[in-house]
Amino acid sequence: THVHDNYRNGDHHQLPAMGDKLWGSIEWDKPMGALKEINYTGSLALELIYPPLPMCESFVKLCFDALNYLKSL
């Protein structure tokens, strides 16, 4: 399942659930609750705009944290 956040005015490919409404527009508890309700056990795939190479290690950790947060909902 493809997951990413965005502003309401475009498809910005942001990390999901990484802050308040300034960071995105999806209320993640709703779609994640629906996946939990149907006992979804598949993967969550991020499609993001990534940072410059020197920042990749910390960015991957941030992505991991975002996915763990979604799984906790």
Protein backbone atom coordinates (compact mmCIF):
# COMPACT_ATOMS: atom_id res chain seq x y z
CA THR A 1 0.00 0.00 0.00
CA HIS A 2 1.42 3.32 -1.14
CA VAL A 3 1.49 5.95 1.64
CA HIS A 4 2.61 9.56 1.67
CA ASP A 5 1.22 12.86 2.82
CA ASN A 6 0.57 16.02 0.86
CA TYR A 7 -0.91 19.46 1.01
CA ARG A 8 -4.44 19.78 -0.29
CA ASN A 9 -3.20 21.64 -3.37
CA GLY A 10 -0.98 18.94 -4.91
CA ASP A 11 0.78 15.63 -4.70
CA HIS A 12 3.87 16.56 -2.67
CA HIS A 13 5.08 13.13 -1.50
CA GLN A 14 5.81 14.08 2.10
CA LEU A 15 6.45 11.75 5.01
CA PRO A 16 3.13 10.73 6.56
CA ALA A 17 2.09 12.02 9.96
CA MET A 18 5.18 14.10 10.62
CA GLY A 19 3.64 17.05 12.39
CA ASP A 20 0.58 19.22 12.42
CA LYS A 21 -1.65 20.19 9.50
CA LEU A 22 1.11 22.43 8.14
CA TRP A 23 2.96 19.24 7.17
CA GLY A 24 0.10 17.51 5.42
CA SER A 25 -3.58 17.00 5.03
CA ILE A 26 -4.30 13.31 5.67
CA GLU A 27 -5.87 12.28 8.97
CA TRP A 28 -3.91 9.04 9.23
CA ASP A 29 -5.96 7.48 12.02
CA LYS A 30 -8.83 7.00 9.53
CA PRO A 31 -7.08 5.05 6.74
CA MET A 32 -4.90 3.14 9.21
CA GLY A 33 -8.00 2.26 11.26
CA ALA A 34 -9.65 0.92 8.10
CA LEU A 35 -6.58 -1.22 7.31
CA LYS A 36 -6.58 -2.55 10.86
CA GLU A 37 -10.30 -3.32 10.64
CA ILE A 38 -9.76 -5.57 7.61
CA ASN A 39 -6.68 -7.19 9.21
CA TYR A 40 -4.35 -5.84 6.52
CA THR A 41 -0.94 -7.50 6.80
CA GLY A 42 0.68 -6.20 3.64
CA SER A 43 3.47 -3.72 3.22
CA LEU A 44 3.37 0.06 3.48
CA ALA A 45 5.47 1.66 0.74
CA LEU A 46 6.68 5.25 0.91
CA GLU A 47 7.05 7.24 -2.30
CA LEU A 48 8.92 10.34 -1.26
CA ILE A 49 11.12 13.09 -2.52
CA TYR A 50 14.44 12.28 -0.89
CA PRO A 51 17.14 14.62 0.40
CA PRO A 52 20.73 15.08 -0.81
CA LEU A 53 22.90 11.98 -0.37
CA PRO A 54 24.75 13.15 2.80
CA MET A 55 21.38 13.30 4.61
CA CYS A 56 20.10 9.88 3.48
CA GLU A 57 20.98 7.91 6.63
CA SER A 58 19.02 10.23 8.93
CA PHE A 59 16.20 10.44 6.37
CA VAL A 60 15.87 6.64 6.28
CA LYS A 61 15.60 6.63 10.10
CA LEU A 62 12.89 9.30 9.93
CA CYS A 63 11.02 7.20 7.33
CA PHE A 64 11.25 4.15 9.59
CA ASP A 65 9.88 6.18 12.51
CA ALA A 66 6.98 7.49 10.38
CA LEU A 67 6.01 3.98 9.28
CA ASN A 68 6.17 2.70 12.85
CA TYR A 69 3.90 5.54 13.91
CA LEU A 70 1.37 4.62 11.22
CA LYS A 71 1.46 0.99 12.32
CA SER A 72 0.72 2.09 15.89
CA LEU A 73 -2.55 3.80 14.92
